[in-house]
Amino acid sequence: MLHDGFIHAKTVDLQRILGLNKYEAVGILECIWHFAAVNACDGGIGRHSNGLIAYWIGYLGDADKLIAGLVEAGFLDVCEESRLQVHDWFDHAPKYIKDRYRQRKARKSQVVTPMSHDVTPVSHDVTPVSQPVTPESQPVDLSKVKASKEEYRDITIENRNLSLIREKWNEAPQVAKCRTLSAARKEVMWNHINTDPNWFDDALEAIDKFPLQCWKDGSFKPNFDWFLRDGTITQILEEQHNWGDNYTPPPAPKKQLSAAEKAEKARSDDLYSRLKEYQRKGEGLSDAASALRDQIAQLENTCNS
């Protein structure tokens, strides 16, 4: 990162726009430049989607808001060629990045003259044939080269059409509406799908169970983040939330006392009853009352030992 990046006014502006601490803003900028160095040595990171950029750097907030903040603060420029360009990339990029870009550009434009095995002289007036382009001779572009882990994640989400879950959730009665599928929510949903391929269908089936009987009185309004928690959908499908206003939990089973325990309880009840009688008469501090307390303490110590 640039040495003055920690105190630059643009960094402070990025903090203001995105509501970040300084260390968070500095970390985002560092990751953005690393992303460009690895995936777009010409600085044109806009060839990749906002979601992919945010996921690559580990930002779990709103990806579009992140990119808009970087543009507004002046760290990214909007351009036609690659959509987004790191501001003054080649003015500040390390020498090895500039060398890599020049080498790739040179290899891409390199031409060769075809060889002939005929005995007759070969005319030198030959139109050069461009060298075949190989993955090693062109800039890395994750959107055109084979899918990376991040792209596979996006494809999986699109194939599952997660918006269907959000739309169905918002149609369910007595739930807090879901305004948007944030990057963090998509991440949770993708992890569920990756762990259990049936999760998507189970989620749609679980939403059909609303309103849940246990909260018909309005004491709790389920929200989307609660729905996405581990185990919630399984509990709904197993009807663990199927109790309503008139539900009465079964009484706890009474402990069966042995003969000795019954005798000790009877003696304890008797001692407490006699002590209470002394207290009722205003003689709670008498010697007789003190003797009863000692007996009660001795009995409790015996029971607990």
Foldseek 3Di string as FASTA:
>chain_A
DDPCCLPDVLLVQLCVQVVHDSVVSVLLLVLLLVCCLVAPLQQLPLLDDLLLSCVSSPNQFASVSNVVSCVVSPQWDQDDPRRIGGPPCVVPPDPVSVVQVVQLVCLQADWDDDDDPDPDDDDPPDDTDGDDDDPVNHGHRCVPPPHDPSRVLVVVCVVLVCVVLLVLLQVFPQADHDPDCTSNNSVLVSVVCVVPVCVSVLSSVLSVLPPQADCPVVPDHHYPVNSSDPPNSVCSVVSVSRDHDPDDDDDDDDDDDDPVRVVLVVVLVVLVVVLVVCVVVVNNPPPVNVVSVVVNVVSVVVVVD
